[in-house]
Amino acid sequence: MIILLIFIVMWAVSSAPEWRVLYIVRSKPLHESFYDPLIQAVTWVESKWGKYIWNNTERAVGWFQIRQVRVDDYNQRTGSHYKLNDFFDYELSEKMFLYYAQGKSFERASKDWNGSGKKTLEYWRKIQQVL
């Protein structure tokens, strides 16, 4: 009886249909944004693509060199409650950058990101060199 049971189990396993399935798993959805080239240029000019960058002179953090005044403005506009240190996170910083860049040309978005005054022209030239 045991031998018959073993034989039936082996026959069932060996005659099981072959599944040919390919699973493609992505850990993070890929997106392409109109602003991707500008994002690459801004993060290069701001931090040389360095994630954990702290600029003590300007008290700015992360890839995009975000300062507290920008965090305060973003929180007020969006109803968020972020702190400056939250913007060491690339995805959150990119989200903020895109919020301010939306609907603007590369030139206008980069100049606005840099601030105001005469240095925005110099900043735009640096961005253009990377683009």
Foldseek 3Di string as FASTA:
>chain_A
DVVVVVVVVVVCVVPDDDDDDDDDDDPDDDDDDPCVLLLVLQLCVPPNVDLADADPVQRFGGSNRHDQVLVVVVCVVPVDDDDRVVRSDPVVVVVSLCVQCPPHDSLVSQLVSVPDDDCSVVSSVSSVVSD
